Amino acid sequence: MKPLVTLYTRSGCCLCDEAKKVIVAARSRAEFDYEELDIDRDAELRRLYNDEVPVIAINRVKAFKYRITMSEFLKKLAARV
């Protein structure tokens, strides 16, 4: 089963845009399912992540917040398979 990567984001967030670029680029190097959730569309997500976006979770477990690098992402992704 492929791991699930979730990007918790909001519109107008430049760090979120940077994180998304890394995740999209990583899809050519690793297989995983991807979902993107706008925290401002869900009160509970906004409560959880308002001051931390972007948050990247792997299989529903928080793996990163604010910044992500390709090498660290691929390492954590491999560890969660």
N, C-alpha and C. Protein backbone atom coordinates (compact mmCIF):
# COMPACT_ATOMS: atom_id res chain seq x y z
N MET A 1 0.84 -1.19 0.00
CA MET A 1 0.00 0.00 0.00
C MET A 1 0.89 1.25 0.00
N LYS A 2 0.52 2.22 -0.82
CA LYS A 2 1.29 3.46 -0.90
C LYS A 2 1.00 4.35 0.30
N PRO A 3 2.02 5.05 0.78
CA PRO A 3 1.77 6.00 1.87
C PRO A 3 0.91 7.16 1.39
N LEU A 4 0.20 7.78 2.32
CA LEU A 4 -0.62 8.95 2.03
C LEU A 4 0.09 10.18 2.57
N VAL A 5 0.34 11.14 1.70
CA VAL A 5 0.94 12.42 2.08
C VAL A 5 -0.16 13.46 2.05
N THR A 6 -0.31 14.18 3.15
CA THR A 6 -1.32 15.23 3.26
C THR A 6 -0.62 16.56 3.49
N LEU A 7 -0.97 17.54 2.66
CA LEU A 7 -0.47 18.90 2.84
C LEU A 7 -1.61 19.74 3.40
N TYR A 8 -1.44 20.21 4.63
CA TYR A 8 -2.40 21.13 5.24
C TYR A 8 -1.92 22.53 4.87
N THR A 9 -2.76 23.28 4.19
CA THR A 9 -2.34 24.53 3.57
C THR A 9 -3.42 25.59 3.72
N ARG A 10 -3.14 26.76 3.19
CA ARG A 10 -4.14 27.83 3.07
C ARG A 10 -3.73 28.70 1.90
N SER A 11 -4.68 29.37 1.30
CA SER A 11 -4.36 30.21 0.15
C SER A 11 -3.54 31.41 0.59
N GLY A 12 -2.64 31.85 -0.29
CA GLY A 12 -1.81 33.01 -0.01
C GLY A 12 -0.60 32.72 0.87
N CYS A 13 -0.31 31.44 1.10
CA CYS A 13 0.81 31.05 1.97
C CYS A 13 2.00 30.67 1.10
N CYS A 14 3.04 31.50 1.10
CA CYS A 14 4.20 31.22 0.23
C CYS A 14 4.97 30.00 0.69
N LEU A 15 5.05 29.73 2.00
CA LEU A 15 5.70 28.51 2.46
C LEU A 15 4.92 27.27 2.02
N CYS A 16 3.60 27.40 1.96
CA CYS A 16 2.77 26.29 1.47
C CYS A 16 3.07 26.01 0.00
N ASP A 17 3.21 27.08 -0.78
CA ASP A 17 3.53 26.91 -2.20
C ASP A 17 4.88 26.22 -2.38
N GLU A 18 5.85 26.59 -1.57
CA GLU A 18 7.18 25.96 -1.63
C GLU A 18 7.10 24.48 -1.26
N ALA A 19 6.34 24.16 -0.22
CA ALA A 19 6.19 22.77 0.21
C ALA A 19 5.52 21.95 -0.89
N LYS A 20 4.51 22.51 -1.52
CA LYS A 20 3.81 21.80 -2.58
C LYS A 20 4.76 21.49 -3.75
N LYS A 21 5.62 22.43 -4.09
CA LYS A 21 6.59 22.19 -5.17
C LYS A 21 7.49 21.02 -4.86
N VAL A 22 7.96 20.92 -3.61
CA VAL A 22 8.82 19.80 -3.21
C VAL A 22 8.05 18.49 -3.31
N ILE A 23 6.82 18.48 -2.82
CA ILE A 23 6.01 17.25 -2.83
C ILE A 23 5.72 16.82 -4.27
N VAL A 24 5.35 17.76 -5.11
CA VAL A 24 5.07 17.44 -6.52
C VAL A 24 6.33 16.89 -7.20
N ALA A 25 7.46 17.50 -6.95
CA ALA A 25 8.72 17.02 -7.53
C ALA A 25 9.07 15.62 -7.01
N ALA A 26 8.76 15.34 -5.76
CA ALA A 26 9.08 14.05 -5.15
C ALA A 26 8.27 12.91 -5.78
N ARG A 27 7.16 13.23 -6.41
CA ARG A 27 6.32 12.18 -7.01
C ARG A 27 7.05 11.48 -8.15
N SER A 28 8.07 12.10 -8.72
CA SER A 28 8.85 11.44 -9.76
C SER A 28 9.92 10.51 -9.17
N ARG A 29 10.10 10.58 -7.85
CA ARG A 29 11.14 9.77 -7.20
C ARG A 29 10.58 8.73 -6.23
N ALA A 30 9.31 8.86 -5.87
CA ALA A 30 8.69 7.92 -4.93
C ALA A 30 7.19 7.85 -5.21
N GLU A 31 6.61 6.70 -4.91
CA GLU A 31 5.17 6.54 -5.10
C GLU A 31 4.45 6.81 -3.79
N PHE A 32 3.46 7.68 -3.87
CA PHE A 32 2.62 7.95 -2.71
C PHE A 32 1.33 8.61 -3.19
N ASP A 33 0.29 8.45 -2.39
CA ASP A 33 -0.96 9.15 -2.64
C ASP A 33 -0.84 10.54 -2.01
N TYR A 34 -1.56 11.49 -2.59
CA TYR A 34 -1.42 12.88 -2.15
C TYR A 34 -2.79 13.52 -2.01
N GLU A 35 -2.94 14.27 -0.95
CA GLU A 35 -4.14 15.09 -0.77
C GLU A 35 -3.72 16.44 -0.20
N GLU A 36 -4.47 17.44 -0.54
CA GLU A 36 -4.21 18.80 -0.10
C GLU A 36 -5.47 19.30 0.59
N LEU A 37 -5.34 19.76 1.82
CA LEU A 37 -6.49 20.24 2.58
C LEU A 37 -6.28 21.69 3.00
N ASP A 38 -7.24 22.54 2.64
CA ASP A 38 -7.21 23.95 3.01
C ASP A 38 -7.77 24.07 4.43
N ILE A 39 -6.93 24.44 5.37
CA ILE A 39 -7.37 24.48 6.77
C ILE A 39 -8.44 25.53 7.02
N ASP A 40 -8.53 26.54 6.15
CA ASP A 40 -9.53 27.59 6.36
C ASP A 40 -10.93 27.15 5.95
N ARG A 41 -11.06 25.96 5.40
CA ARG A 41 -12.37 25.41 5.03
C ARG A 41 -12.94 24.49 6.11
N ASP A 42 -12.17 24.28 7.19
CA ASP A 42 -12.59 23.36 8.24
C ASP A 42 -12.14 23.93 9.59
N ALA A 43 -13.10 24.22 10.45
CA ALA A 43 -12.79 24.86 11.74
C ALA A 43 -11.84 24.03 12.59
N GLU A 44 -11.99 22.71 12.59
CA GLU A 44 -11.12 21.86 13.39
C GLU A 44 -9.69 21.87 12.86
N LEU A 45 -9.53 21.81 11.54
CA LEU A 45 -8.19 21.88 10.96
C LEU A 45 -7.55 23.24 11.23
N ARG A 46 -8.34 24.31 11.16
CA ARG A 46 -7.81 25.65 11.46
C ARG A 46 -7.37 25.73 12.92
N ARG A 47 -8.15 25.13 13.81
CA ARG A 47 -7.79 25.12 15.23
C ARG A 47 -6.47 24.37 15.43
N LEU A 48 -6.31 23.24 14.76
CA LEU A 48 -5.12 22.42 14.93
C LEU A 48 -3.86 23.02 14.31
N TYR A 49 -4.00 23.64 13.13
CA TYR A 49 -2.82 24.00 12.34
C TYR A 49 -2.71 25.48 12.00
N ASN A 50 -3.52 26.33 12.57
CA ASN A 50 -3.56 27.74 12.18
C ASN A 50 -2.19 28.41 12.16
N ASP A 51 -1.39 28.17 13.20
CA ASP A 51 -0.09 28.85 13.31
C ASP A 51 1.08 28.00 12.81
N GLU A 52 0.79 26.87 12.15
CA GLU A 52 1.86 25.96 11.76
C GLU A 52 1.96 25.70 10.26
N VAL A 53 1.02 26.17 9.45
CA VAL A 53 1.03 25.81 8.03
C VAL A 53 2.29 26.31 7.33
N PRO A 54 2.77 25.56 6.38
CA PRO A 54 2.22 24.28 5.96
C PRO A 54 2.62 23.15 6.92
N VAL A 55 1.72 22.20 7.05
CA VAL A 55 2.01 20.98 7.79
C VAL A 55 1.93 19.84 6.78
N ILE A 56 2.91 18.96 6.80
CA ILE A 56 2.91 17.81 5.93
C ILE A 56 2.84 16.58 6.81
N ALA A 57 1.82 15.75 6.56
CA ALA A 57 1.65 14.51 7.31
C ALA A 57 1.88 13.33 6.37
N ILE A 58 2.43 12.27 6.92
CA ILE A 58 2.60 11.02 6.18
C ILE A 58 1.80 9.97 6.93
N ASN A 59 0.83 9.38 6.24
CA ASN A 59 -0.09 8.41 6.87
C ASN A 59 -0.73 8.99 8.12
N ARG A 60 -1.16 10.25 8.00
CA ARG A 60 -1.89 10.97 9.06
C ARG A 60 -1.04 11.34 10.27
N VAL A 61 0.29 11.16 10.19
CA VAL A 61 1.19 11.54 11.28
C VAL A 61 2.01 12.74 10.82
N LYS A 62 1.99 13.81 11.63
CA LYS A 62 2.72 15.02 11.26
C LYS A 62 4.21 14.71 11.08
N ALA A 63 4.74 15.08 9.91
CA ALA A 63 6.14 14.83 9.62
C ALA A 63 6.95 16.13 9.51
N PHE A 64 6.30 17.19 9.03
CA PHE A 64 6.98 18.47 8.84
C PHE A 64 6.01 19.61 9.13
N LYS A 65 6.57 20.75 9.51
CA LYS A 65 5.81 22.00 9.50
C LYS A 65 6.74 23.10 9.03
N TYR A 66 6.18 24.10 8.42
CA TYR A 66 6.87 25.27 7.86
C TYR A 66 7.71 24.95 6.63
N ARG A 67 8.77 24.18 6.78
CA ARG A 67 9.69 23.94 5.66
C ARG A 67 9.93 22.45 5.45
N ILE A 68 10.23 22.12 4.19
CA ILE A 68 10.46 20.72 3.82
C ILE A 68 11.55 20.70 2.76
N THR A 69 12.45 19.72 2.88
CA THR A 69 13.46 19.54 1.83
C THR A 69 13.20 18.20 1.16
N MET A 70 13.62 18.08 -0.07
CA MET A 70 13.41 16.84 -0.82
C MET A 70 14.06 15.66 -0.10
N SER A 71 15.31 15.81 0.32
CA SER A 71 16.02 14.68 0.93
C SER A 71 15.35 14.24 2.24
N GLU A 72 14.98 15.17 3.09
CA GLU A 72 14.31 14.81 4.34
C GLU A 72 12.93 14.21 4.09
N PHE A 73 12.22 14.75 3.12
CA PHE A 73 10.90 14.22 2.79
C PHE A 73 11.02 12.77 2.33
N LEU A 74 11.93 12.50 1.39
CA LEU A 74 12.08 11.14 0.86
C LEU A 74 12.53 10.17 1.96
N LYS A 75 13.38 10.64 2.87
CA LYS A 75 13.85 9.80 3.97
C LYS A 75 12.68 9.43 4.90
N LYS A 76 11.89 10.42 5.28
CA LYS A 76 10.75 10.14 6.17
C LYS A 76 9.70 9.30 5.45
N LEU A 77 9.51 9.55 4.19
CA LEU A 77 8.53 8.78 3.42
C LEU A 77 8.93 7.31 3.40
N ALA A 78 10.19 7.03 3.14
CA ALA A 78 10.70 5.66 3.09
C ALA A 78 10.57 4.97 4.44
N ALA A 79 10.74 5.72 5.51
CA ALA A 79 10.66 5.16 6.85
C ALA A 79 9.23 4.81 7.25
N ARG A 80 8.25 5.42 6.59
CA ARG A 80 6.84 5.21 6.96
C ARG A 80 6.15 4.18 6.08
N VAL A 81 6.85 3.62 5.13
CA VAL A 81 6.23 2.65 4.21
C VAL A 81 6.02 1.33 4.93
